[in-house]
Amino acid sequence: MAKAVKENISVLPEEFIINRIYNFRGQKVMLDKDLAELYGVATKVLNQAVKRNSERFPADFMFQLTKKEYEILKSQFVTSNWGGSRKLPFAFTEQGVSMLSGVLNSAVAIQVHIQIIRIFIKMREMLMTNKDILLKLERVEKQIKANKEDIASVFNAIRQLITKPAVPRKRIGFKPDD
């Protein structure tokens, strides 16, 4: 696949990259294996480049998955194509992916990086658009709840007026003689 990525760098479908973005620890990340494939290098080469430039990758740019996170990741795939890797994968945030482009300084890395960053931007824009919609929906839902309470109180008052009291009420005021 890496060879195909190198040859067709300008025609990578967005879905191809989007399917390699995961959500771990509340962040959108890409795994070292997937990034290496996109950049057309071996995962080992990518990780060695990162180790040589470790000061460029603080914890908010890159982290290693825990065993539990890795198991969750593997369980998402029906057939495991992870092939007995001995080390837990590294996850790169959007900033980490940006930093990788400086570490892996090749034409392929630059082109792939541009596509990945554009997709991260689109995802953020979609999230912001959906956030506005969700906030509006929440306001409408609150109004409906408030109106339901008002309508319910009106119906309760009507029921009280319609039902006959269990004990007859004592008349008040002028009583004519019988």
Foldseek 3Di string as FASTA:
>chain_A
DLVVLVVPVVPDDLVLLVVQWDADPNATWGWLCSLCSNLSHHSVVLVVLCVVVVVQAPPLFKDFDDPVRVVVVQVVDPDGPPPPDPGTIMIGGLSNLVSSCVSPPDPSSVSSNVSNNVSVVVVVVVVVVVVVVVVVVVVVVVVVVVVVVVVVVVVVVVVVVPDDDPDDDDDDDDDDDD
